[in-house]
N, C-alpha and C. Protein backbone atom coordinates (compact mmCIF):
# COMPACT_ATOMS: atom_id res chain seq x y z
N MET A 1 0.81 -1.19 0.00
CA MET A 1 0.00 0.00 0.00
C MET A 1 0.86 1.27 0.00
N LYS A 2 1.91 1.27 0.81
CA LYS A 2 2.79 2.43 0.84
C LYS A 2 3.39 2.71 -0.53
N LYS A 3 3.77 1.64 -1.23
CA LYS A 3 4.38 1.81 -2.55
C LYS A 3 3.39 2.47 -3.51
N ARG A 4 2.14 2.01 -3.53
CA ARG A 4 1.13 2.60 -4.42
C ARG A 4 0.86 4.06 -4.05
N THR A 5 0.77 4.37 -2.77
CA THR A 5 0.53 5.75 -2.34
C THR A 5 1.66 6.65 -2.81
N GLY A 6 2.90 6.19 -2.66
CA GLY A 6 4.05 6.97 -3.10
C GLY A 6 4.03 7.22 -4.59
N ILE A 7 3.68 6.20 -5.38
CA ILE A 7 3.60 6.37 -6.82
C ILE A 7 2.49 7.34 -7.18
N LEU A 8 1.33 7.19 -6.55
CA LEU A 8 0.20 8.08 -6.82
C LEU A 8 0.55 9.51 -6.45
N LEU A 9 1.16 9.71 -5.28
CA LEU A 9 1.56 11.05 -4.85
C LEU A 9 2.57 11.64 -5.83
N GLY A 10 3.53 10.84 -6.28
CA GLY A 10 4.51 11.31 -7.27
C GLY A 10 3.83 11.71 -8.57
N MET A 11 2.82 10.98 -9.02
CA MET A 11 2.10 11.33 -10.24
C MET A 11 1.34 12.63 -10.07
N VAL A 12 0.73 12.84 -8.90
CA VAL A 12 0.01 14.08 -8.64
C VAL A 12 0.97 15.26 -8.64
N LEU A 13 2.13 15.11 -7.99
CA LEU A 13 3.10 16.20 -7.96
C LEU A 13 3.63 16.50 -9.36
N VAL A 14 3.91 15.48 -10.15
CA VAL A 14 4.38 15.71 -11.51
C VAL A 14 3.30 16.39 -12.33
N ALA A 15 2.07 15.92 -12.23
CA ALA A 15 0.97 16.53 -12.98
C ALA A 15 0.79 17.98 -12.57
N GLY A 16 0.88 18.26 -11.26
CA GLY A 16 0.73 19.63 -10.79
C GLY A 16 1.85 20.52 -11.27
N ALA A 17 3.05 19.97 -11.38
CA ALA A 17 4.19 20.78 -11.82
C ALA A 17 4.14 21.04 -13.32
N VAL A 18 3.57 20.13 -14.08
CA VAL A 18 3.54 20.28 -15.54
C VAL A 18 2.52 21.33 -15.97
N ALA A 19 1.35 21.34 -15.36
CA ALA A 19 0.26 22.22 -15.80
C ALA A 19 0.66 23.70 -15.83
N PRO A 20 1.23 24.26 -14.75
CA PRO A 20 1.58 25.68 -14.82
C PRO A 20 2.66 25.98 -15.86
N VAL A 21 3.60 25.08 -16.07
CA VAL A 21 4.65 25.32 -17.05
C VAL A 21 4.03 25.40 -18.44
N ALA A 22 3.12 24.48 -18.74
CA ALA A 22 2.47 24.49 -20.05
C ALA A 22 1.67 25.76 -20.25
N ALA A 23 0.98 26.22 -19.22
CA ALA A 23 0.15 27.43 -19.34
C ALA A 23 1.02 28.67 -19.53
N SER A 24 2.13 28.77 -18.80
CA SER A 24 2.95 29.98 -18.91
C SER A 24 3.77 29.99 -20.20
N ALA A 25 4.01 28.84 -20.79
CA ALA A 25 4.80 28.79 -22.01
C ALA A 25 3.96 29.07 -23.26
N ALA A 26 2.64 29.18 -23.10
CA ALA A 26 1.77 29.39 -24.26
C ALA A 26 2.02 30.75 -24.88
N GLU A 27 2.02 30.80 -26.21
CA GLU A 27 2.17 32.05 -26.94
C GLU A 27 0.88 32.85 -26.87
N PRO A 28 0.96 34.18 -26.77
CA PRO A 28 -0.26 34.98 -26.83
C PRO A 28 -0.94 34.77 -28.18
N GLN A 29 -2.25 34.83 -28.18
CA GLN A 29 -2.99 34.66 -29.42
C GLN A 29 -3.15 36.01 -30.12
N ALA A 30 -2.86 36.04 -31.42
CA ALA A 30 -2.99 37.26 -32.21
C ALA A 30 -4.46 37.65 -32.31
N THR A 31 -4.71 38.92 -32.40
CA THR A 31 -6.06 39.42 -32.57
C THR A 31 -6.21 39.94 -33.99
N ASN A 32 -7.34 40.52 -34.28
CA ASN A 32 -7.66 40.98 -35.63
C ASN A 32 -7.28 42.45 -35.81
N PHE A 33 -5.99 42.76 -35.79
CA PHE A 33 -5.54 44.14 -35.93
C PHE A 33 -5.85 44.66 -37.33
N GLN A 34 -6.28 45.94 -37.37
CA GLN A 34 -6.55 46.63 -38.63
C GLN A 34 -5.69 47.89 -38.69
N LEU A 35 -5.38 48.34 -39.90
CA LEU A 35 -4.64 49.58 -40.05
C LEU A 35 -5.39 50.68 -39.29
N PRO A 36 -4.69 51.51 -38.51
CA PRO A 36 -5.38 52.44 -37.61
C PRO A 36 -5.89 53.73 -38.25
N PHE A 37 -6.52 53.59 -39.41
CA PHE A 37 -7.00 54.76 -40.14
C PHE A 37 -8.40 54.52 -40.67
N THR A 38 -9.02 55.56 -41.19
CA THR A 38 -10.38 55.50 -41.73
C THR A 38 -10.47 54.44 -42.82
N CYS A 39 -11.54 53.68 -42.79
CA CYS A 39 -11.78 52.59 -43.74
C CYS A 39 -11.66 53.09 -45.18
N GLY A 40 -10.87 52.38 -45.98
CA GLY A 40 -10.71 52.69 -47.39
C GLY A 40 -9.56 53.63 -47.70
N ASP A 41 -9.04 54.37 -46.71
CA ASP A 41 -7.91 55.27 -46.96
C ASP A 41 -6.64 54.46 -47.23
N SER A 42 -5.81 54.94 -48.15
CA SER A 42 -4.56 54.27 -48.49
C SER A 42 -3.38 54.95 -47.82
N TRP A 43 -2.46 54.12 -47.31
CA TRP A 43 -1.29 54.60 -46.59
C TRP A 43 -0.04 53.89 -47.08
N ARG A 44 1.11 54.56 -46.93
CA ARG A 44 2.40 53.93 -47.20
C ARG A 44 3.00 53.55 -45.85
N LEU A 45 3.51 52.33 -45.77
CA LEU A 45 4.13 51.81 -44.55
C LEU A 45 5.61 51.58 -44.82
N ASP A 46 6.47 52.07 -43.93
CA ASP A 46 7.91 51.92 -44.07
C ASP A 46 8.52 51.44 -42.76
N THR A 47 9.45 50.47 -42.85
CA THR A 47 10.17 50.05 -41.65
C THR A 47 11.45 50.86 -41.46
N TRP A 48 11.97 51.45 -42.52
CA TRP A 48 13.24 52.18 -42.46
C TRP A 48 14.26 51.36 -41.70
N GLY A 49 14.97 51.97 -40.78
CA GLY A 49 15.98 51.25 -40.00
C GLY A 49 15.48 50.76 -38.66
N HIS A 50 14.18 50.90 -38.39
CA HIS A 50 13.69 50.49 -37.07
C HIS A 50 12.67 49.35 -37.16
N ASN A 51 12.88 48.44 -38.09
CA ASN A 51 12.06 47.22 -38.18
C ASN A 51 12.03 46.54 -36.81
N PRO A 52 10.91 46.09 -36.30
CA PRO A 52 9.63 45.94 -36.96
C PRO A 52 8.65 47.10 -36.76
N ALA A 53 9.12 48.23 -36.22
CA ALA A 53 8.25 49.40 -36.12
C ALA A 53 7.95 49.93 -37.51
N LEU A 54 6.82 50.62 -37.65
CA LEU A 54 6.40 51.15 -38.95
C LEU A 54 6.16 52.64 -38.86
N ASP A 55 6.58 53.37 -39.89
CA ASP A 55 6.19 54.77 -40.07
C ASP A 55 5.15 54.78 -41.17
N MET A 56 4.09 55.58 -40.99
CA MET A 56 2.97 55.57 -41.92
C MET A 56 2.63 56.99 -42.37
N VAL A 57 2.45 57.15 -43.69
CA VAL A 57 2.03 58.42 -44.28
C VAL A 57 0.94 58.15 -45.31
N ARG A 58 0.11 59.17 -45.60
CA ARG A 58 -0.97 59.03 -46.57
C ARG A 58 -0.42 58.87 -47.97
N GLU A 59 -1.10 58.06 -48.76
CA GLU A 59 -0.81 57.90 -50.18
C GLU A 59 -1.81 58.72 -50.97
N PRO A 60 -1.48 59.20 -52.16
CA PRO A 60 -0.26 58.88 -52.90
C PRO A 60 0.88 59.86 -52.63
N ASP A 61 0.60 61.05 -52.06
CA ASP A 61 1.64 62.08 -51.99
C ASP A 61 1.85 62.64 -50.58
N GLN A 62 1.40 61.96 -49.58
CA GLN A 62 1.53 62.33 -48.17
C GLN A 62 0.61 63.47 -47.75
N HIS A 63 -0.08 64.13 -48.70
CA HIS A 63 -1.01 65.19 -48.32
C HIS A 63 -2.16 64.56 -47.53
N GLY A 64 -2.53 65.21 -46.45
CA GLY A 64 -3.59 64.69 -45.60
C GLY A 64 -3.09 63.82 -44.46
N THR A 65 -1.77 63.66 -44.37
CA THR A 65 -1.22 62.86 -43.26
C THR A 65 -1.45 63.59 -41.94
N GLU A 66 -0.98 64.84 -41.87
CA GLU A 66 -1.11 65.58 -40.61
C GLU A 66 -2.58 65.85 -40.31
N GLY A 67 -2.99 65.50 -39.12
CA GLY A 67 -4.36 65.71 -38.68
C GLY A 67 -5.33 64.59 -39.04
N ALA A 68 -4.85 63.59 -39.79
CA ALA A 68 -5.73 62.46 -40.16
C ALA A 68 -6.21 61.75 -38.89
N PRO A 69 -7.48 61.34 -38.87
CA PRO A 69 -7.98 60.61 -37.70
C PRO A 69 -7.18 59.34 -37.47
N LEU A 70 -6.83 59.12 -36.22
CA LEU A 70 -6.09 57.92 -35.82
C LEU A 70 -7.04 57.05 -35.02
N LEU A 71 -7.23 55.80 -35.47
CA LEU A 71 -8.21 54.89 -34.89
C LEU A 71 -7.53 53.73 -34.19
N ALA A 72 -8.20 53.17 -33.19
CA ALA A 72 -7.67 51.99 -32.51
C ALA A 72 -7.60 50.82 -33.49
N ALA A 73 -6.44 50.17 -33.56
CA ALA A 73 -6.24 49.04 -34.47
C ALA A 73 -7.01 47.80 -34.03
N GLU A 74 -7.40 47.76 -32.76
CA GLU A 74 -8.16 46.66 -32.17
C GLU A 74 -8.73 47.17 -30.86
N ALA A 75 -9.76 46.54 -30.35
CA ALA A 75 -10.37 46.93 -29.08
C ALA A 75 -9.38 46.69 -27.94
N GLY A 76 -9.51 47.48 -26.88
CA GLY A 76 -8.64 47.29 -25.72
C GLY A 76 -8.83 48.38 -24.69
N THR A 77 -7.86 48.46 -23.79
CA THR A 77 -7.87 49.45 -22.72
C THR A 77 -6.60 50.28 -22.80
N VAL A 78 -6.74 51.60 -22.76
CA VAL A 78 -5.60 52.51 -22.82
C VAL A 78 -4.79 52.36 -21.54
N ASN A 79 -3.50 52.01 -21.69
CA ASN A 79 -2.65 51.91 -20.50
C ASN A 79 -1.56 52.98 -20.48
N MET A 80 -1.42 53.76 -21.57
CA MET A 80 -0.51 54.91 -21.60
C MET A 80 -1.13 56.01 -22.45
N SER A 81 -1.04 57.24 -21.99
CA SER A 81 -1.44 58.41 -22.76
C SER A 81 -0.69 59.59 -22.15
N PHE A 82 0.38 60.04 -22.84
CA PHE A 82 1.25 61.05 -22.23
C PHE A 82 2.09 61.76 -23.29
N TRP A 83 2.79 62.80 -22.85
CA TRP A 83 3.73 63.54 -23.68
C TRP A 83 5.14 63.05 -23.37
N HIS A 84 5.94 62.87 -24.43
CA HIS A 84 7.34 62.45 -24.31
C HIS A 84 8.16 63.41 -25.18
N ASP A 85 9.28 63.93 -24.67
CA ASP A 85 10.06 64.93 -25.42
C ASP A 85 10.47 64.45 -26.81
N ASN A 86 10.88 63.21 -26.96
CA ASN A 86 11.32 62.70 -28.25
C ASN A 86 10.17 62.14 -29.08
N ALA A 87 9.21 61.49 -28.44
CA ALA A 87 8.12 60.81 -29.15
C ALA A 87 6.86 61.67 -29.28
N GLY A 88 6.80 62.79 -28.59
CA GLY A 88 5.61 63.65 -28.64
C GLY A 88 4.44 63.00 -27.93
N ASN A 89 3.25 63.17 -28.49
CA ASN A 89 2.06 62.55 -27.90
C ASN A 89 2.09 61.05 -28.18
N VAL A 90 1.93 60.27 -27.12
CA VAL A 90 2.02 58.81 -27.19
C VAL A 90 0.78 58.20 -26.56
N VAL A 91 0.23 57.17 -27.22
CA VAL A 91 -0.85 56.36 -26.65
C VAL A 91 -0.46 54.90 -26.81
N GLN A 92 -0.68 54.11 -25.76
CA GLN A 92 -0.53 52.66 -25.86
C GLN A 92 -1.82 52.01 -25.40
N ILE A 93 -2.25 50.99 -26.15
CA ILE A 93 -3.48 50.27 -25.84
C ILE A 93 -3.14 48.81 -25.58
N ASN A 94 -3.67 48.29 -24.47
CA ASN A 94 -3.53 46.88 -24.10
C ASN A 94 -4.72 46.14 -24.71
N HIS A 95 -4.42 45.17 -25.59
CA HIS A 95 -5.47 44.43 -26.30
C HIS A 95 -5.73 43.06 -25.69
N GLY A 96 -5.07 42.73 -24.59
CA GLY A 96 -5.21 41.42 -23.98
C GLY A 96 -4.30 40.42 -24.65
N GLY A 97 -4.10 39.28 -24.02
CA GLY A 97 -3.24 38.24 -24.56
C GLY A 97 -1.78 38.67 -24.66
N GLY A 98 -1.41 39.74 -23.96
CA GLY A 98 -0.04 40.25 -24.00
C GLY A 98 0.20 41.30 -25.08
N TYR A 99 -0.75 41.49 -26.01
CA TYR A 99 -0.56 42.40 -27.14
C TYR A 99 -0.87 43.85 -26.78
N HIS A 100 0.00 44.75 -27.28
CA HIS A 100 -0.16 46.19 -27.09
C HIS A 100 0.17 46.89 -28.41
N THR A 101 -0.54 47.97 -28.71
CA THR A 101 -0.17 48.84 -29.83
C THR A 101 0.24 50.18 -29.26
N THR A 102 1.29 50.77 -29.85
CA THR A 102 1.79 52.06 -29.41
C THR A 102 1.78 53.02 -30.60
N TYR A 103 1.21 54.21 -30.40
CA TYR A 103 1.03 55.22 -31.43
C TYR A 103 1.86 56.44 -31.01
N ILE A 104 2.78 56.88 -31.87
CA ILE A 104 3.78 57.89 -31.50
C ILE A 104 3.77 59.05 -32.49
N HIS A 105 4.08 60.26 -32.01
CA HIS A 105 4.15 61.52 -32.75
C HIS A 105 2.75 62.06 -33.07
N MET A 106 1.76 61.69 -32.28
CA MET A 106 0.38 62.11 -32.52
C MET A 106 0.24 63.63 -32.37
N GLU A 107 -0.61 64.21 -33.23
CA GLU A 107 -0.93 65.64 -33.12
C GLU A 107 -1.73 65.89 -31.84
N SER A 108 -2.65 64.98 -31.55
CA SER A 108 -3.48 65.10 -30.36
C SER A 108 -3.89 63.72 -29.87
N ARG A 109 -4.26 63.65 -28.58
CA ARG A 109 -4.74 62.42 -27.97
C ARG A 109 -6.18 62.62 -27.53
N ALA A 110 -7.05 61.67 -27.87
CA ALA A 110 -8.47 61.77 -27.50
C ALA A 110 -8.86 60.75 -26.43
N VAL A 111 -7.86 60.06 -25.86
CA VAL A 111 -8.13 59.04 -24.85
C VAL A 111 -7.19 59.22 -23.66
N ASN A 112 -7.63 58.69 -22.53
CA ASN A 112 -6.85 58.75 -21.30
C ASN A 112 -6.62 57.35 -20.75
N VAL A 113 -5.64 57.23 -19.87
CA VAL A 113 -5.36 55.94 -19.23
C VAL A 113 -6.63 55.42 -18.57
N GLY A 114 -6.93 54.15 -18.81
CA GLY A 114 -8.11 53.51 -18.24
C GLY A 114 -9.31 53.48 -19.17
N ASP A 115 -9.30 54.29 -20.24
CA ASP A 115 -10.41 54.29 -21.20
C ASP A 115 -10.46 52.95 -21.93
N THR A 116 -11.66 52.45 -22.12
CA THR A 116 -11.88 51.27 -22.96
C THR A 116 -12.23 51.77 -24.35
N VAL A 117 -11.56 51.22 -25.37
CA VAL A 117 -11.80 51.67 -26.74
C VAL A 117 -12.25 50.49 -27.60
N ALA A 118 -13.09 50.80 -28.56
CA ALA A 118 -13.54 49.80 -29.54
C ALA A 118 -12.62 49.86 -30.75
N GLN A 119 -12.51 48.77 -31.47
CA GLN A 119 -11.75 48.79 -32.72
C GLN A 119 -12.38 49.84 -33.63
N GLY A 120 -11.56 50.70 -34.22
CA GLY A 120 -12.05 51.75 -35.11
C GLY A 120 -12.43 53.03 -34.41
N GLN A 121 -12.38 53.08 -33.08
CA GLN A 121 -12.70 54.31 -32.34
C GLN A 121 -11.54 55.29 -32.47
N GLN A 122 -11.85 56.57 -32.67
CA GLN A 122 -10.79 57.57 -32.78
C GLN A 122 -10.10 57.75 -31.45
N ILE A 123 -8.76 57.67 -31.48
CA ILE A 123 -7.95 57.83 -30.28
C ILE A 123 -7.10 59.11 -30.34
N GLY A 124 -7.13 59.79 -31.48
CA GLY A 124 -6.36 61.02 -31.65
C GLY A 124 -6.21 61.34 -33.12
N ALA A 125 -5.13 62.07 -33.43
CA ALA A 125 -4.86 62.46 -34.81
C ALA A 125 -3.37 62.33 -35.09
N VAL A 126 -3.03 62.04 -36.34
CA VAL A 126 -1.64 61.90 -36.77
C VAL A 126 -0.96 63.27 -36.73
N GLY A 127 0.29 63.30 -36.29
CA GLY A 127 0.98 64.58 -36.19
C GLY A 127 2.46 64.49 -36.48
N ARG A 128 3.18 65.45 -35.88
CA ARG A 128 4.63 65.55 -36.04
C ARG A 128 5.26 65.97 -34.72
N THR A 129 4.67 65.56 -33.61
CA THR A 129 5.13 66.01 -32.30
C THR A 129 6.35 65.22 -31.82
N GLY A 130 7.15 65.88 -30.99
CA GLY A 130 8.35 65.28 -30.44
C GLY A 130 9.53 65.47 -31.37
N ALA A 131 10.71 65.57 -30.79
CA ALA A 131 11.93 65.80 -31.56
C ALA A 131 12.19 64.68 -32.57
N GLY A 132 11.82 63.45 -32.25
CA GLY A 132 12.07 62.31 -33.12
C GLY A 132 11.26 62.32 -34.41
N ALA A 133 10.24 63.16 -34.49
CA ALA A 133 9.43 63.25 -35.71
C ALA A 133 10.15 64.03 -36.81
N ASN A 134 11.21 64.76 -36.43
CA ASN A 134 11.97 65.57 -37.39
C ASN A 134 11.07 66.51 -38.17
N ASP A 135 10.02 67.01 -37.52
CA ASP A 135 9.06 67.94 -38.12
C ASP A 135 8.41 67.37 -39.38
N HIS A 136 8.31 66.03 -39.46
CA HIS A 136 7.71 65.34 -40.60
C HIS A 136 6.44 64.62 -40.13
N PRO A 137 5.25 65.03 -40.63
CA PRO A 137 4.02 64.38 -40.19
C PRO A 137 4.00 62.89 -40.57
N HIS A 138 3.79 62.04 -39.58
CA HIS A 138 3.67 60.60 -39.80
C HIS A 138 3.23 59.94 -38.50
N LEU A 139 2.76 58.73 -38.62
CA LEU A 139 2.49 57.93 -37.44
C LEU A 139 3.62 56.92 -37.31
N HIS A 140 4.24 56.87 -36.15
CA HIS A 140 5.18 55.80 -35.83
C HIS A 140 4.36 54.80 -35.02
N PHE A 141 4.26 53.57 -35.54
CA PHE A 141 3.40 52.53 -34.96
C PHE A 141 4.23 51.33 -34.53
N GLU A 142 3.94 50.84 -33.33
CA GLU A 142 4.61 49.63 -32.86
C GLU A 142 3.59 48.65 -32.29
N LEU A 143 3.72 47.39 -32.69
CA LEU A 143 2.97 46.30 -32.07
C LEU A 143 3.95 45.63 -31.12
N GLY A 144 3.54 45.42 -29.88
CA GLY A 144 4.43 44.82 -28.90
C GLY A 144 3.73 43.71 -28.14
N VAL A 145 4.54 42.82 -27.58
CA VAL A 145 4.05 41.75 -26.72
C VAL A 145 4.74 41.89 -25.37
N ASP A 146 3.96 41.93 -24.31
CA ASP A 146 4.47 42.07 -22.95
C ASP A 146 5.18 40.78 -22.54
N ALA A 147 6.45 40.68 -22.90
CA ALA A 147 7.22 39.46 -22.64
C ALA A 147 7.63 39.32 -21.18
N ASN A 148 7.79 40.44 -20.46
CA ASN A 148 8.25 40.35 -19.08
C ASN A 148 7.11 40.43 -18.06
N GLY A 149 5.86 40.52 -18.52
CA GLY A 149 4.72 40.47 -17.63
C GLY A 149 4.49 41.70 -16.77
N ASP A 150 5.01 42.87 -17.19
CA ASP A 150 4.83 44.07 -16.38
C ASP A 150 3.58 44.87 -16.74
N GLY A 151 2.75 44.35 -17.67
CA GLY A 151 1.49 45.01 -17.99
C GLY A 151 1.57 46.04 -19.09
N GLU A 152 2.73 46.16 -19.73
CA GLU A 152 2.89 47.08 -20.85
C GLU A 152 3.91 46.47 -21.81
N ALA A 153 4.06 47.09 -22.99
CA ALA A 153 5.09 46.66 -23.94
C ALA A 153 6.07 47.81 -24.10
N SER A 154 7.34 47.55 -23.82
CA SER A 154 8.34 48.60 -23.99
C SER A 154 8.39 48.98 -25.48
N TRP A 155 8.80 50.20 -25.77
CA TRP A 155 8.71 50.72 -27.13
C TRP A 155 9.86 51.69 -27.39
N GLY A 156 10.03 52.05 -28.65
CA GLY A 156 10.92 53.15 -29.02
C GLY A 156 12.39 52.83 -29.20
N LYS A 157 12.80 51.60 -28.96
CA LYS A 157 14.21 51.29 -29.14
C LYS A 157 14.37 49.85 -29.62
N ALA A 158 15.54 49.55 -30.14
CA ALA A 158 15.78 48.25 -30.78
C ALA A 158 15.54 47.06 -29.84
N ASP A 159 15.85 47.20 -28.56
CA ASP A 159 15.69 46.06 -27.64
C ASP A 159 14.34 46.07 -26.92
N SER A 160 13.36 46.78 -27.48
CA SER A 160 12.03 46.82 -26.87
C SER A 160 11.26 45.53 -27.17
N GLU A 161 10.04 45.45 -26.66
CA GLU A 161 9.21 44.25 -26.82
C GLU A 161 8.37 44.27 -28.10
N ARG A 162 8.76 45.09 -29.06
CA ARG A 162 7.99 45.17 -30.30
C ARG A 162 8.19 43.92 -31.16
N VAL A 163 7.14 43.61 -31.92
CA VAL A 163 7.12 42.44 -32.81
C VAL A 163 6.60 42.87 -34.17
N ASN A 164 6.64 41.98 -35.14
CA ASN A 164 6.16 42.29 -36.49
C ASN A 164 4.69 42.67 -36.45
N ALA A 165 4.35 43.75 -37.14
CA ALA A 165 2.96 44.21 -37.21
C ALA A 165 2.19 43.41 -38.24
N SER A 166 0.93 43.22 -37.96
CA SER A 166 0.04 42.51 -38.87
C SER A 166 -1.29 43.24 -38.90
N PHE A 167 -1.77 43.54 -40.12
CA PHE A 167 -3.06 44.20 -40.29
C PHE A 167 -3.91 43.38 -41.23
N ASN A 168 -5.14 43.12 -40.83
CA ASN A 168 -6.08 42.37 -41.66
C ASN A 168 -5.45 41.05 -42.14
N GLY A 169 -4.63 40.45 -41.26
CA GLY A 169 -4.05 39.15 -41.55
C GLY A 169 -2.77 39.17 -42.37
N THR A 170 -2.27 40.36 -42.75
CA THR A 170 -1.03 40.46 -43.53
C THR A 170 0.07 41.03 -42.64
N GLU A 171 1.22 40.35 -42.62
CA GLU A 171 2.35 40.79 -41.80
C GLU A 171 3.22 41.77 -42.59
N TYR A 172 3.66 42.83 -41.91
CA TYR A 172 4.52 43.85 -42.51
C TYR A 172 5.82 43.89 -41.71
N ALA A 173 6.88 43.32 -42.27
CA ALA A 173 8.15 43.25 -41.56
C ALA A 173 9.30 43.11 -42.54
N GLY A 174 10.47 43.48 -42.08
CA GLY A 174 11.70 43.38 -42.86
C GLY A 174 12.42 44.71 -42.86
N ALA A 175 13.71 44.68 -42.71
CA ALA A 175 14.49 45.91 -42.65
C ALA A 175 14.36 46.72 -43.94
N SER A 176 14.16 48.01 -43.78
CA SER A 176 14.10 48.97 -44.89
C SER A 176 13.11 48.55 -45.98
N GLN A 177 11.92 48.16 -45.58
CA GLN A 177 10.87 47.75 -46.51
C GLN A 177 9.84 48.86 -46.65
N THR A 178 9.20 48.93 -47.81
CA THR A 178 8.12 49.88 -48.07
C THR A 178 6.96 49.14 -48.70
N TRP A 179 5.76 49.44 -48.23
CA TRP A 179 4.53 48.90 -48.82
C TRP A 179 3.69 50.10 -49.22
N ARG A 180 3.31 50.16 -50.50
CA ARG A 180 2.57 51.29 -51.04
C ARG A 180 1.08 50.97 -51.12
N ASN A 181 0.27 52.00 -50.97
CA ASN A 181 -1.18 51.91 -51.15
C ASN A 181 -1.82 50.77 -50.34
N VAL A 182 -1.48 50.72 -49.06
CA VAL A 182 -2.11 49.74 -48.17
C VAL A 182 -3.42 50.37 -47.69
N ALA A 183 -4.51 49.76 -48.04
CA ALA A 183 -5.83 50.30 -47.70
C ALA A 183 -6.26 49.85 -46.32
N SER A 184 -6.80 50.79 -45.56
CA SER A 184 -7.32 50.46 -44.23
C SER A 184 -8.61 49.67 -44.36
N ASN A 185 -8.72 48.62 -43.58
CA ASN A 185 -9.93 47.82 -43.52
C ASN A 185 -10.56 47.94 -42.13
N ASN A 186 -10.31 49.10 -41.48
CA ASN A 186 -10.80 49.37 -40.12
C ASN A 186 -12.20 49.96 -40.25
N CYS A 187 -13.15 49.10 -40.66
CA CYS A 187 -14.51 49.55 -41.00
C CYS A 187 -15.50 49.24 -39.89
């Protein structure tokens, strides 16, 4: 009887030890991110030297970039909304599953920390704020995954938690890449 109890107890301990490891090792599930602009509008996406972050301007000639409505790429809760000397107006949205989107150089912010936003809801406008914008209107966009579990995704530098961006099921990644006439499907 003692032998069976010991084996059973060992199986319970092993089973208990395996379950949390499997749960914590799971990858976050991607959501249905959409380009953060008005449905049907075309934008140019560039990685430049900061892949996988993207800089975005209106197509075909960049006119209409500054002041363009900026929409939530997916539903979530605003966990950052502030001014940064280099990045200007910044908003970050927590979409659950570890995923966060960060919007940088905004002309204005229409949301505050703690606000719940729907996909396609206006969160501000595209601008040229902060020294890092080089006085050039554009949206600097980052998709990040909270790898360290601190409730946010670090942003703005090469060793941040940013990952390849995906909109409407298409991934946009690669050093110094440009995608022309990408239409927003944020309808």
